[in-house]
C-alpha atoms as a PDB file:
ATOM      1  CA  MET A   1       0.000   0.000   0.000  1.00  0.00           C
ATOM      2  CA  ALA A   2       1.191   3.529  -0.725  1.00  0.00           C
ATOM      3  CA  ASP A   3       2.723   5.269   2.298  1.00  0.00           C
ATOM      4  CA  GLY A   4       1.614   8.785   1.434  1.00  0.00           C
ATOM      5  CA  ARG A   5       4.268  10.044  -0.982  1.00  0.00           C
ATOM      6  CA  GLY A   6       1.500  11.357  -3.178  1.00  0.00           C
ATOM      7  CA  LYS A   7      -0.256  10.504  -6.398  1.00  0.00           C
ATOM      8  CA  ALA A   8       1.661  10.267  -9.659  1.00  0.00           C
ATOM      9  CA  LEU A   9       0.454   9.956 -13.238  1.00  0.00           C
ATOM     10  CA  VAL A  10       2.608   7.990 -15.674  1.00  0.00           C
ATOM     11  CA  THR A  11       1.640   8.316 -19.334  1.00  0.00           C
ATOM     12  CA  GLY A  12       2.988   5.503 -21.471  1.00  0.00           C
ATOM     13  CA  GLY A  13       3.249   3.403 -18.327  1.00  0.00           C
ATOM     14  CA  ALA A  14       2.972   0.128 -20.237  1.00  0.00           C
ATOM     15  CA  GLY A  15       6.105   0.859 -22.270  1.00  0.00           C
ATOM     16  CA  MET A  16       9.589  -0.466 -21.588  1.00  0.00           C
ATOM     17  CA  ILE A  17      10.736   2.412 -19.383  1.00  0.00           C
ATOM     18  CA  GLY A  18       7.222   3.138 -18.148  1.00  0.00           C
ATOM     19  CA  ARG A  19       6.737  -0.339 -16.680  1.00  0.00           C
ATOM     20  CA  ARG A  20       9.888  -0.075 -14.603  1.00  0.00           C
ATOM     21  CA  LEU A  21       9.047   3.459 -13.521  1.00  0.00           C
ATOM     22  CA  VAL A  22       5.579   2.355 -12.408  1.00  0.00           C
ATOM     23  CA  ARG A  23       7.125  -0.462 -10.389  1.00  0.00           C
ATOM     24  CA  HIS A  24       9.712   1.860  -8.861  1.00  0.00           C
ATOM     25  CA  LEU A  25       7.136   4.479  -7.882  1.00  0.00           C
ATOM     26  CA  ALA A  26       4.675   1.967  -6.423  1.00  0.00           C
ATOM     27  CA  ARG A  27       7.387   0.302  -4.375  1.00  0.00           C
ATOM     28  CA  GLY A  28       8.527   3.741  -3.241  1.00  0.00           C
ATOM     29  CA  GLY A  29       5.151   4.602  -1.764  1.00  0.00           C
ATOM     30  CA  TYR A  30       3.408   6.512  -4.540  1.00  0.00           C
ATOM     31  CA  GLU A  31      -0.199   6.019  -5.538  1.00  0.00           C
ATOM     32  CA  VAL A  32       0.210   5.498  -9.281  1.00  0.00           C
ATOM     33  CA  VAL A  33      -2.172   6.146 -12.164  1.00  0.00           C
ATOM     34  CA  VAL A  34      -1.188   4.915 -15.628  1.00  0.00           C
ATOM     35  CA  LEU A  35      -2.614   6.362 -18.842  1.00  0.00           C
ATOM     36  CA  ASP A  36      -1.746   4.219 -21.839  1.00  0.00           C
ATOM     37  CA  LEU A  37      -3.264   3.084 -25.130  1.00  0.00           C
ATOM     38  CA  THR A  38      -2.353  -0.527 -24.375  1.00  0.00           C
ATOM     39  CA  GLY A  39      -5.512  -1.295 -22.481  1.00  0.00           C
ATOM     40  CA  PRO A  40      -6.898  -2.475 -19.157  1.00  0.00           C
ATOM     41  CA  ARG A  41      -4.798  -3.627 -16.271  1.00  0.00           C
ATOM     42  CA  SER A  42      -5.485  -7.302 -16.941  1.00  0.00           C
ATOM     43  CA  GLU A  43      -3.804  -7.137 -20.353  1.00  0.00           C
ATOM     44  CA  VAL A  44      -0.753  -5.373 -18.999  1.00  0.00           C
ATOM     45  CA  ALA A  45      -0.507  -7.643 -15.964  1.00  0.00           C
ATOM     46  CA  ARG A  46      -0.735 -10.729 -18.137  1.00  0.00           C
ATOM     47  CA  ARG A  47       2.320  -9.590 -20.094  1.00  0.00           C
ATOM     48  CA  ASN A  48       4.086  -8.315 -16.980  1.00  0.00           C
ATOM     49  CA  PRO A  49       3.287 -10.487 -13.949  1.00  0.00           C
ATOM     50  CA  GLU A  50       5.490  -8.335 -11.696  1.00  0.00           C
ATOM     51  CA  LEU A  51       2.823  -5.625 -11.871  1.00  0.00           C
ATOM     52  CA  ARG A  52       0.085  -7.825 -10.388  1.00  0.00           C
ATOM     53  CA  SER A  53       1.413  -7.406  -6.865  1.00  0.00           C
ATOM     54  CA  MET A  54       1.006  -3.640  -7.152  1.00  0.00           C
ATOM     55  CA  ALA A  55      -2.663  -3.737  -8.156  1.00  0.00           C
ATOM     56  CA  ARG A  56      -3.867  -1.777  -5.120  1.00  0.00           C
ATOM     57  CA  ASP A  57      -1.530   1.121  -5.819  1.00  0.00           C
ATOM     58  CA  VAL A  58      -1.668   1.146  -9.614  1.00  0.00           C
ATOM     59  CA  ARG A  59      -4.748   2.265 -11.524  1.00  0.00           C
ATOM     60  CA  TRP A  60      -4.600   1.537 -15.260  1.00  0.00           C
ATOM     61  CA  ILE A  61      -6.607   3.752 -17.597  1.00  0.00           C
ATOM     62  CA  ARG A  62      -6.907   3.026 -21.285  1.00  0.00           C
ATOM     63  CA  GLY A  63      -6.741   6.356 -23.022  1.00  0.00           C
ATOM     64  CA  ASP A  64      -5.059   8.705 -25.456  1.00  0.00           C
ATOM     65  CA  THR A  65      -2.850  11.595 -24.339  1.00  0.00           C
ATOM     66  CA  ARG A  66      -4.182  13.657 -27.248  1.00  0.00           C
ATOM     67  CA  LYS A  67      -7.741  13.503 -25.875  1.00  0.00           C
ATOM     68  CA  GLU A  68      -8.402  16.137 -23.238  1.00  0.00           C
ATOM     69  CA  SER A  69     -11.183  14.113 -21.612  1.00  0.00           C
ATOM     70  CA  ASP A  70      -8.917  11.078 -21.139  1.00  0.00           C
ATOM     71  CA  VAL A  71      -6.118  13.184 -19.710  1.00  0.00           C
ATOM     72  CA  ARG A  72      -8.378  15.146 -17.355  1.00  0.00           C
ATOM     73  CA  ALA A  73      -9.839  11.920 -15.984  1.00  0.00           C
ATOM     74  CA  ALA A  74      -6.369  10.547 -15.286  1.00  0.00           C
ATOM     75  CA  MET A  75      -5.099  13.834 -13.794  1.00  0.00           C
ATOM     76  CA  ALA A  76      -7.538  14.042 -10.887  1.00  0.00           C
ATOM     77  CA  GLY A  77      -5.693  14.441  -7.599  1.00  0.00           C
ATOM     78  CA  VAL A  78      -2.257  13.999  -9.172  1.00  0.00           C
ATOM     79  CA  GLY A  79       0.757  15.784  -7.694  1.00  0.00           C
ATOM     80  CA  THR A  80       3.452  14.745 -10.176  1.00  0.00           C
ATOM     81  CA  VAL A  81       3.282  13.820 -13.861  1.00  0.00           C
ATOM     82  CA  PHE A  82       5.728  11.588 -15.710  1.00  0.00           C
ATOM     83  CA  HIS A  83       5.156  11.823 -19.451  1.00  0.00           C
ATOM     84  CA  LEU A  84       6.610   8.937 -21.457  1.00  0.00           C
ATOM     85  CA  ALA A  85       3.851   8.362 -24.026  1.00  0.00           C
ATOM     86  CA  ALA A  86       5.175   8.618 -27.606  1.00  0.00           C
ATOM     87  CA  GLY A  87       6.563   6.397 -30.345  1.00  0.00           C
ATOM     88  CA  PRO A  88       9.803   4.862 -29.006  1.00  0.00           C
ATOM     89  CA  SER A  89      11.764   4.707 -32.262  1.00  0.00           C
ATOM     90  CA  PHE A  90      12.516   7.041 -35.157  1.00  0.00           C
ATOM     91  CA  VAL A  91      11.278   4.160 -37.325  1.00  0.00           C
ATOM     92  CA  HIS A  92       7.717   4.785 -36.134  1.00  0.00           C
ATOM     93  CA  TYR A  93       8.049   8.414 -37.221  1.00  0.00           C
ATOM     94  CA  SER A  94       9.363   7.334 -40.631  1.00  0.00           C
ATOM     95  CA  ARG A  95       6.432   4.973 -41.144  1.00  0.00           C
ATOM     96  CA  SER A  96       3.738   7.362 -39.887  1.00  0.00           C
ATOM     97  CA  PRO A  97       5.221  10.863 -39.761  1.00  0.00           C
ATOM     98  CA  VAL A  98       1.987  12.795 -39.257  1.00  0.00           C
ATOM     99  CA  ALA A  99       0.459  10.488 -36.650  1.00  0.00           C
ATOM    100  CA  GLU A 100       3.627   9.985 -34.610  1.00  0.00           C
ATOM    101  CA  THR A 101       4.711  13.621 -34.644  1.00  0.00           C
ATOM    102  CA  SER A 102       1.197  14.667 -33.654  1.00  0.00           C
ATOM    103  CA  ASN A 103       1.179  12.075 -30.894  1.00  0.00           C
ATOM    104  CA  ALA A 104       4.483  13.345 -29.503  1.00  0.00           C
ATOM    105  CA  ILE A 105       3.759  17.074 -29.625  1.00  0.00           C
ATOM    106  CA  THR A 106      -0.018  17.272 -29.212  1.00  0.00           C
ATOM    107  CA  GLY A 107       0.011  14.531 -26.599  1.00  0.00           C
ATOM    108  CA  PHE A 108       2.627  16.304 -24.520  1.00  0.00           C
ATOM    109  CA  LEU A 109       0.936  19.693 -24.819  1.00  0.00           C
ATOM    110  CA  THR A 110      -2.424  18.205 -23.825  1.00  0.00           C
ATOM    111  CA  VAL A 111      -0.899  16.554 -20.763  1.00  0.00           C
ATOM    112  CA  LEU A 112       1.072  19.652 -19.794  1.00  0.00           C
ATOM    113  CA  ASP A 113      -1.924  21.964 -20.091  1.00  0.00           C
ATOM    114  CA  ALA A 114      -4.127  19.596 -18.105  1.00  0.00           C
ATOM    115  CA  ALA A 115      -1.425  19.458 -15.443  1.00  0.00           C
ATOM    116  CA  ARG A 116      -1.403  23.256 -15.280  1.00  0.00           C
ATOM    117  CA  HIS A 117      -5.156  23.446 -14.808  1.00  0.00           C
ATOM    118  CA  ALA A 118      -5.022  20.678 -12.193  1.00  0.00           C
ATOM    119  CA  GLY A 119      -2.432  22.571 -10.169  1.00  0.00           C
ATOM    120  CA  VAL A 120       0.379  20.083 -10.797  1.00  0.00           C
ATOM    121  CA  ARG A 121       3.671  21.782 -10.036  1.00  0.00           C
ATOM    122  CA  ARG A 122       6.148  19.344 -11.541  1.00  0.00           C
ATOM    123  CA  VAL A 123       6.191  17.477 -14.859  1.00  0.00           C
ATOM    124  CA  VAL A 124       9.023  15.128 -15.798  1.00  0.00           C
ATOM    125  CA  HIS A 125       9.068  14.028 -19.411  1.00  0.00           C
ATOM    126  CA  ALA A 126      11.131  11.869 -21.728  1.00  0.00           C
ATOM    127  CA  SER A 127      13.142  13.598 -24.420  1.00  0.00           C
ATOM    128  CA  THR A 128      15.975  11.862 -26.305  1.00  0.00           C
ATOM    129  CA  SER A 129      19.752  11.986 -26.646  1.00  0.00           C
ATOM    130  CA  ALA A 130      19.264  12.010 -30.434  1.00  0.00           C
ATOM    131  CA  VAL A 131      18.809  15.793 -30.248  1.00  0.00           C
ATOM    132  CA  TYR A 132      22.609  16.105 -29.903  1.00  0.00           C
ATOM    133  CA  GLU A 133      23.520  14.496 -33.207  1.00  0.00           C
ATOM    134  CA  GLY A 134      26.298  16.368 -34.984  1.00  0.00           C
ATOM    135  CA  ASN A 135      27.979  17.507 -31.763  1.00  0.00           C
ATOM    136  CA  PRO A 136      31.257  16.096 -30.414  1.00  0.00           C
ATOM    137  CA  VAL A 137      31.081  13.679 -27.478  1.00  0.00           C
ATOM    138  CA  PRO A 138      30.568  13.725 -24.600  1.00  0.00           C
ATOM    139  CA  TYR A 139      27.189  15.377 -25.075  1.00  0.00           C
ATOM    140  CA  ARG A 140      26.460  18.250 -22.685  1.00  0.00           C
ATOM    141  CA  GLU A 141      23.044  19.757 -22.086  1.00  0.00           C
ATOM    142  CA  ASP A 142      24.225  23.237 -23.096  1.00  0.00           C
ATOM    143  CA  MET A 143      25.276  22.212 -26.612  1.00  0.00           C
ATOM    144  CA  PRO A 144      23.517  23.693 -29.668  1.00  0.00           C
ATOM    145  CA  LEU A 145      20.904  21.333 -31.057  1.00  0.00           C
ATOM    146  CA  SER A 146      20.025  20.442 -34.631  1.00  0.00           C
ATOM    147  CA  PRO A 147      17.667  17.437 -34.512  1.00  0.00           C
ATOM    148  CA  PRO A 148      18.276  15.119 -37.493  1.00  0.00           C
ATOM    149  CA  ASP A 149      14.893  13.367 -37.702  1.00  0.00           C
ATOM    150  CA  LEU A 150      11.234  13.794 -36.823  1.00  0.00           C
ATOM    151  CA  LYS A 151      11.462  11.998 -33.497  1.00  0.00           C
ATOM    152  CA  SER A 152      14.287  14.145 -32.166  1.00  0.00           C
ATOM    153  CA  LEU A 153      12.696  17.284 -33.631  1.00  0.00           C
ATOM    154  CA  ALA A 154       9.403  16.461 -31.910  1.00  0.00           C
ATOM    155  CA  LYS A 155      11.198  15.855 -28.624  1.00  0.00           C
ATOM    156  CA  ARG A 156      13.123  19.105 -28.952  1.00  0.00           C
ATOM    157  CA  THR A 157       9.817  20.867 -29.566  1.00  0.00           C
ATOM    158  CA  THR A 158       8.331  19.386 -26.394  1.00  0.00           C
ATOM    159  CA  GLU A 159      11.329  20.686 -24.470  1.00  0.00           C
ATOM    160  CA  ASP A 160      10.622  24.181 -25.815  1.00  0.00           C
ATOM    161  CA  ILE A 161       6.945  23.871 -24.902  1.00  0.00           C
ATOM    162  CA  ALA A 162       7.917  22.757 -21.406  1.00  0.00           C
ATOM    163  CA  GLY A 163      10.160  25.793 -21.038  1.00  0.00           C
ATOM    164  CA  ILE A 164       7.373  28.154 -22.086  1.00  0.00           C
ATOM    165  CA  TYR A 165       4.937  26.653 -19.572  1.00  0.00           C
ATOM    166  CA  ALA A 166       7.553  26.806 -16.831  1.00  0.00           C
ATOM    167  CA  ALA A 167       8.259  30.479 -17.492  1.00  0.00           C
ATOM    168  CA  ARG A 168       4.635  31.514 -17.939  1.00  0.00           C
ATOM    169  CA  TYR A 169       2.879  29.441 -15.288  1.00  0.00           C
ATOM    170  CA  GLY A 170       5.549  28.752 -12.683  1.00  0.00           C
ATOM    171  CA  MET A 171       5.619  24.997 -13.260  1.00  0.00           C
ATOM    172  CA  THR A 172       8.789  22.939 -12.947  1.00  0.00           C
ATOM    173  CA  THR A 173       9.347  20.877 -16.087  1.00  0.00           C
ATOM    174  CA  ILE A 174      12.350  18.583 -16.328  1.00  0.00           C
ATOM    175  CA  SER A 175      13.279  17.058 -19.689  1.00  0.00           C
ATOM    176  CA  LEU A 176      15.293  13.867 -19.325  1.00  0.00           C
ATOM    177  CA  ARG A 177      17.427  12.812 -22.289  1.00  0.00           C
ATOM    178  CA  PRO A 178      18.005   9.049 -21.996  1.00  0.00           C
ATOM    179  CA  PHE A 179      20.860   7.552 -23.976  1.00  0.00           C
ATOM    180  CA  SER A 180      20.885   3.947 -25.272  1.00  0.00           C
ATOM    181  CA  VAL A 181      18.355   2.322 -22.947  1.00  0.00           C
ATOM    182  CA  TYR A 182      18.242  -1.466 -22.833  1.00  0.00           C
ATOM    183  CA  SER A 183      16.158  -3.910 -20.821  1.00  0.00           C
ATOM    184  CA  ASP A 184      15.638  -7.580 -20.089  1.00  0.00           C
ATOM    185  CA  ASP A 185      12.003  -7.068 -21.095  1.00  0.00           C
ATOM    186  CA  GLU A 186      11.642  -5.780 -24.667  1.00  0.00           C
ATOM    187  CA  THR A 187      10.717  -8.839 -26.706  1.00  0.00           C
ATOM    188  CA  GLU A 188       7.571  -7.131 -27.995  1.00  0.00           C
ATOM    189  CA  LYS A 189       9.736  -4.545 -29.782  1.00  0.00           C
ATOM    190  CA  GLY A 190      11.145  -7.205 -32.129  1.00  0.00           C
ATOM    191  CA  PRO A 191      13.637  -5.740 -34.624  1.00  0.00           C
ATOM    192  CA  LEU A 192      13.335  -2.315 -32.997  1.00  0.00           C
ATOM    193  CA  ALA A 193      14.687  -3.494 -29.644  1.00  0.00           C
ATOM    194  CA  ASN A 194      17.994  -2.161 -28.378  1.00  0.00           C
ATOM    195  CA  VAL A 195      21.041  -3.847 -29.905  1.00  0.00           C
ATOM    196  CA  VAL A 196      21.880  -5.375 -26.520  1.00  0.00           C
ATOM    197  CA  SER A 197      18.736  -7.492 -26.756  1.00  0.00           C
ATOM    198  CA  LEU A 198      19.115  -8.089 -30.491  1.00  0.00           C
ATOM    199  CA  PHE A 199      22.661  -9.380 -30.092  1.00  0.00           C
ATOM    200  CA  VAL A 200      21.727 -11.509 -27.062  1.00  0.00           C
ATOM    201  CA  TRP A 201      18.829 -13.084 -28.939  1.00  0.00           C
ATOM    202  CA  ALA A 202      21.039 -13.772 -31.942  1.00  0.00           C
ATOM    203  CA  VAL A 203      23.790 -15.427 -29.886  1.00  0.00           C
ATOM    204  CA  LEU A 204      21.341 -17.564 -27.900  1.00  0.00           C
ATOM    205  CA  ALA A 205      19.662 -18.631 -31.143  1.00  0.00           C
ATOM    206  CA  GLY A 206      23.028 -19.737 -32.537  1.00  0.00           C
ATOM    207  CA  ARG A 207      23.220 -16.919 -35.050  1.00  0.00           C
ATOM    208  CA  THR A 208      26.031 -14.480 -35.742  1.00  0.00           C
ATOM    209  CA  PRO A 209      25.282 -10.855 -34.792  1.00  0.00           C
ATOM    210  CA  VAL A 210      25.474  -8.414 -37.678  1.00  0.00           C
ATOM    211  CA  LEU A 211      27.369  -5.196 -36.975  1.00  0.00           C
ATOM    212  CA  TRP A 212      26.620  -2.192 -39.131  1.00  0.00           C
ATOM    213  CA  GLY A 213      29.691  -0.573 -40.647  1.00  0.00           C
ATOM    214  CA  ASP A 214      32.922  -1.645 -38.964  1.00  0.00           C
ATOM    215  CA  GLY A 215      31.356  -2.272 -35.547  1.00  0.00           C
ATOM    216  CA  ARG A 216      33.409   0.469 -33.925  1.00  0.00           C
ATOM    217  CA  GLN A 217      30.449   2.779 -33.412  1.00  0.00           C
ATOM    218  CA  THR A 218      29.908   3.493 -29.719  1.00  0.00           C
ATOM    219  CA  ARG A 219      26.872   3.842 -27.501  1.00  0.00           C
ATOM    220  CA  ASP A 220      26.309   4.838 -23.896  1.00  0.00           C
ATOM    221  CA  PHE A 221      24.250   1.828 -22.798  1.00  0.00           C
ATOM    222  CA  VAL A 222      22.126   2.509 -19.713  1.00  0.00           C
ATOM    223  CA  TYR A 223      19.991  -0.130 -18.006  1.00  0.00           C
ATOM    224  CA  VAL A 224      16.260   0.506 -17.788  1.00  0.00           C
ATOM    225  CA  ASP A 225      16.095   0.298 -13.977  1.00  0.00           C
ATOM    226  CA  ASP A 226      18.663   3.078 -13.713  1.00  0.00           C
ATOM    227  CA  VAL A 227      16.612   5.197 -16.100  1.00  0.00           C
ATOM    228  CA  ALA A 228      13.461   4.616 -14.045  1.00  0.00           C
ATOM    229  CA  ARG A 229      15.341   5.720 -10.943  1.00  0.00           C
ATOM    230  CA  ALA A 230      16.472   8.906 -12.703  1.00  0.00           C
ATOM    231  CA  PHE A 231      12.854   9.766 -13.520  1.00  0.00           C
ATOM    232  CA  ALA A 232      11.833   9.223  -9.903  1.00  0.00           C
ATOM    233  CA  LEU A 233      14.704  11.372  -8.645  1.00  0.00           C
ATOM    234  CA  ALA A 234      13.665  14.172 -10.988  1.00  0.00           C
ATOM    235  CA  ALA A 235      10.330  14.277  -9.174  1.00  0.00           C
ATOM    236  CA  GLU A 236      11.829  14.194  -5.702  1.00  0.00           C
ATOM    237  CA  VAL A 237      14.776  16.592  -5.668  1.00  0.00           C
ATOM    238  CA  PRO A 238      13.850  19.892  -3.995  1.00  0.00           C
ATOM    239  CA  GLU A 239      13.036  22.723  -6.376  1.00  0.00           C
ATOM    240  CA  PRO A 240      15.253  21.967  -9.369  1.00  0.00           C
ATOM    241  CA  ALA A 241      15.324  24.539 -12.137  1.00  0.00           C
ATOM    242  CA  THR A 242      13.473  23.737 -15.346  1.00  0.00           C
ATOM    243  CA  GLN A 243      16.143  22.209 -17.563  1.00  0.00           C
ATOM    244  CA  PRO A 244      17.157  19.193 -19.663  1.00  0.00           C
ATOM    245  CA  VAL A 245      19.216  16.469 -17.977  1.00  0.00           C
ATOM    246  CA  ASN A 246      21.155  13.610 -19.568  1.00  0.00           C
ATOM    247  CA  VAL A 247      20.495  10.066 -18.376  1.00  0.00           C
ATOM    248  CA  GLY A 248      23.461   7.884 -19.228  1.00  0.00           C
ATOM    249  CA  THR A 249      26.463   6.183 -17.687  1.00  0.00           C
ATOM    250  CA  GLY A 250      29.298   8.316 -19.013  1.00  0.00           C
ATOM    251  CA  VAL A 251      30.854   5.174 -20.505  1.00  0.00           C
ATOM    252  CA  GLU A 252      30.933   4.407 -24.230  1.00  0.00           C
ATOM    253  CA  THR A 253      31.144   0.886 -25.620  1.00  0.00           C
ATOM    254  CA  THR A 254      31.687  -0.249 -29.202  1.00  0.00           C
ATOM    255  CA  HIS A 255      29.371  -2.792 -30.756  1.00  0.00           C
ATOM    256  CA  ARG A 256      32.350  -5.131 -31.076  1.00  0.00           C
ATOM    257  CA  GLU A 257      32.976  -4.869 -27.337  1.00  0.00           C
ATOM    258  CA  LEU A 258      29.283  -5.421 -26.669  1.00  0.00           C
ATOM    259  CA  VAL A 259      29.213  -8.674 -28.641  1.00  0.00           C
ATOM    260  CA  ARG A 260      32.277  -9.894 -26.746  1.00  0.00           C
ATOM    261  CA  LEU A 261      30.547  -9.170 -23.431  1.00  0.00           C
ATOM    262  CA  ILE A 262      27.437 -11.016 -24.581  1.00  0.00           C
ATOM    263  CA  ALA A 263      29.416 -13.999 -25.848  1.00  0.00           C
ATOM    264  CA  ALA A 264      31.213 -14.246 -22.504  1.00  0.00           C
ATOM    265  CA  ALA A 265      27.889 -14.117 -20.641  1.00  0.00           C
ATOM    266  CA  CYS A 266      26.525 -16.874 -22.898  1.00  0.00           C
ATOM    267  CA  GLY A 267      29.663 -19.008 -22.591  1.00  0.00           C
ATOM    268  CA  VAL A 268      30.489 -19.013 -26.298  1.00  0.00           C
ATOM    269  CA  GLU A 269      33.187 -17.614 -28.555  1.00  0.00           C
ATOM    270  CA  ALA A 270      32.563 -14.099 -29.819  1.00  0.00           C
ATOM    271  CA  GLU A 271      31.685 -13.965 -33.513  1.00  0.00           C
ATOM    272  CA  PHE A 272      30.244 -11.206 -35.643  1.00  0.00           C
ATOM    273  CA  ARG A 273      29.981 -10.166 -39.253  1.00  0.00           C
ATOM    274  CA  PHE A 274      29.668  -6.806 -40.917  1.00  0.00           C
ATOM    275  CA  SER A 275      27.172  -5.161 -43.219  1.00  0.00           C
ATOM    276  CA  GLY A 276      26.356  -1.733 -44.566  1.00  0.00           C
ATOM    277  CA  VAL A 277      24.503   0.911 -42.585  1.00  0.00           C
ATOM    278  CA  PRO A 278      20.883   1.010 -43.847  1.00  0.00           C
ATOM    279  CA  VAL A 279      19.876   4.355 -42.340  1.00  0.00           C
ATOM    280  CA  GLU A 280      21.033   7.957 -42.502  1.00  0.00           C
ATOM    281  CA  PRO A 281      21.947   9.806 -40.424  1.00  0.00           C
ATOM    282  CA  TYR A 282      23.592   7.237 -38.169  1.00  0.00           C
ATOM    283  CA  ALA A 283      25.598   8.381 -35.155  1.00  0.00           C
ATOM    284  CA  SER A 284      29.128   7.017 -34.897  1.00  0.00           C
ATOM    285  CA  ARG A 285      29.420   7.871 -31.202  1.00  0.00           C
ATOM    286  CA  LEU A 286      27.003   8.474 -28.329  1.00  0.00           C
ATOM    287  CA  LEU A 287      28.263   9.421 -24.875  1.00  0.00           C
ATOM    288  CA  ALA A 288      26.624  11.365 -22.066  1.00  0.00           C
ATOM    289  CA  ASP A 289      28.252  13.986 -19.934  1.00  0.00           C
ATOM    290  CA  THR A 290      26.708  13.035 -16.583  1.00  0.00           C
ATOM    291  CA  THR A 291      27.821  16.090 -14.596  1.00  0.00           C
ATOM    292  CA  ARG A 292      24.387  17.740 -14.477  1.00  0.00           C
ATOM    293  CA  ALA A 293      22.598  14.499 -13.618  1.00  0.00           C
ATOM    294  CA  GLU A 294      24.933  13.965 -10.677  1.00  0.00           C
ATOM    295  CA  LYS A 295      24.701  17.571  -9.491  1.00  0.00           C
ATOM    296  CA  VAL A 296      20.993  18.250 -10.011  1.00  0.00           C
ATOM    297  CA  LEU A 297      19.428  14.820  -9.498  1.00  0.00           C
ATOM    298  CA  GLY A 298      22.078  13.077  -7.441  1.00  0.00           C
ATOM    299  CA  PHE A 299      21.913  10.409 -10.128  1.00  0.00           C
ATOM    300  CA  ARG A 300      24.637   8.015 -11.123  1.00  0.00           C
ATOM    301  CA  ALA A 301      23.937   4.816 -13.046  1.00  0.00           C
ATOM    302  CA  GLU A 302      24.488   1.763 -10.860  1.00  0.00           C
ATOM    303  CA  THR A 303      24.297  -1.088 -13.370  1.00  0.00           C
ATOM    304  CA  ALA A 304      27.551  -1.865 -15.168  1.00  0.00           C
ATOM    305  CA  LEU A 305      27.073  -3.077 -18.731  1.00  0.00           C
ATOM    306  CA  ALA A 306      28.372  -6.573 -17.949  1.00  0.00           C
ATOM    307  CA  ALA A 307      25.832  -6.899 -15.130  1.00  0.00           C
ATOM    308  CA  GLY A 308      23.025  -5.591 -17.328  1.00  0.00           C
ATOM    309  CA  VAL A 309      23.939  -7.963 -20.146  1.00  0.00           C
ATOM    310  CA  ALA A 310      23.843 -10.842 -17.661  1.00  0.00           C
ATOM    311  CA  LYS A 311      20.275  -9.850 -16.715  1.00  0.00           C
ATOM    312  CA  VAL A 312      19.208  -9.778 -20.370  1.00  0.00           C
ATOM    313  CA  VAL A 313      20.794 -13.176 -21.034  1.00  0.00           C
ATOM    314  CA  GLU A 314      19.253 -14.733 -17.931  1.00  0.00           C
ATOM    315  CA  GLN A 315      15.756 -13.480 -18.687  1.00  0.00           C
ATOM    316  CA  ALA A 316      15.970 -14.517 -22.344  1.00  0.00           C
ATOM    317  CA  ARG A 317      16.997 -18.019 -21.311  1.00  0.00           C
ATOM    318  CA  VAL A 318      14.262 -18.311 -18.699  1.00  0.00           C
ATOM    319  CA  SER A 319      11.506 -17.065 -21.001  1.00  0.00           C
ATOM    320  CA  GLY A 320      12.775 -18.636 -24.212  1.00  0.00           C
ATOM    321  CA  SER A 321      11.661 -15.432 -25.900  1.00  0.00           C
ATOM    322  CA  TYR A 322      14.742 -15.086 -28.072  1.00  0.00           C
ATOM    323  CA  GLY A 323      13.539 -17.804 -30.430  1.00  0.00           C
ATOM    324  CA  ARG A 324      10.296 -15.978 -31.146  1.00  0.00           C
ATOM    325  CA  ALA A 325      12.081 -12.649 -31.403  1.00  0.00           C
ATOM    326  CA  VAL A 326      14.565 -13.814 -34.031  1.00  0.00           C
ATOM    327  CA  THR A 327      12.351 -16.122 -36.073  1.00  0.00           C
ATOM    328  CA  GLY A 328      11.390 -14.700 -39.453  1.00  0.00           C
ATOM    329  CA  LEU A 329      13.441 -11.542 -39.156  1.00  0.00           C
ATOM    330  CA  ALA A 330      16.359 -12.687 -41.329  1.00  0.00           C
ATOM    331  CA  LEU A 331      18.199 -11.461 -38.216  1.00  0.00           C
ATOM    332  CA  ALA A 332      16.895  -8.178 -36.920  1.00  0.00           C
ATOM    333  CA  GLN A 333      20.090  -6.238 -37.529  1.00  0.00           C
ATOM    334  CA  GLU A 334      20.407  -7.335 -41.169  1.00  0.00           C
ATOM    335  CA  PRO A 335      20.012  -4.172 -43.291  1.00  0.00           C
ATOM    336  CA  PRO A 336      17.360  -5.652 -45.645  1.00  0.00           C
ATOM    337  CA  ALA A 337      15.239  -6.694 -42.670  1.00  0.00           C
ATOM    338  CA  PHE A 338      15.692  -3.309 -41.039  1.00  0.00           C
ATOM    339  CA  SER A 339      14.845  -1.493 -44.266  1.00  0.00           C
ATOM    340  CA  ASP A 340      11.646  -3.534 -44.522  1.00  0.00           C
ATOM    341  CA  ALA A 341      10.797  -2.569 -40.942  1.00  0.00           C
ATOM    342  CA  LEU A 342      11.453   1.073 -41.786  1.00  0.00           C
ATOM    343  CA  ARG A 343       8.982   0.879 -44.677  1.00  0.00           C
ATOM    344  CA  GLY A 344       6.482  -1.022 -42.561  1.00  0.00           C
ATOM    345  CA  GLU A 345       6.674  -4.164 -44.693  1.00  0.00           C
END
């Protein structure tokens, strides 16, 4: 049962990060309301049994963040809003540019305005590290931004909207910019899952991971539980200024190094092959400067990549999900398969 820390609304609470945030908040004493298109609690709980134990503190509402009536119903009595509802991949924006961009911008504005009218003082929302593309690493929050695609442009726009509402109405709006988030629970994303999961599934299925380019591209891989904790901290720190904050580890890892870690966790020899890069633009390096996160949120990622990979491997073995995830994809990281996914075929 909640211990009185207040009532929180999580939009997109059935998503990969949202699920872990909901769990974290409920265990931390919040009364949690989830607004998500996925559907009633029974559907979500069936896919995620860990949420069943939190039924008394989690209220699931099937609704659309673009509909004022849905948002107002979910906002009643809420003290803090976490907005995560939006298409998770730039691929969704490529397939359905109008719908996804509208969902990201209109959905956020609808939630933010409802929060203002409901007297909510703090809104924490998910932006993206993709807004930094073109800058040198490590990425700092004060760098100039030139978003390269519709997803990052939409997220940058929501940051601007948040800033306007903060200045005009006295709300605190914190925009978190997660880096390469991976989880032990993203089978439903199929070929659009993080490469950590894709490579784990490939290795466990006896297939050779495909590395785009020369495999020396780097990412700042951050485990989903750490990201959920960062969101919670953003709601709890006393009176932070409205600002964007990176959520990463401050450590970059090449895809070659990642495959070697995965192979070691699976007890096999590391093997990989190379193929062309099927998308443009494609970042060669991603790395967070974590100074602001540590100073403002008191956040530092706790899960080392090797430990996170071990969690992904263990869960994939227990569930057997990797077979279903890989089957029929011609390997998810193969450029032809990815190009088909991009076109929605």
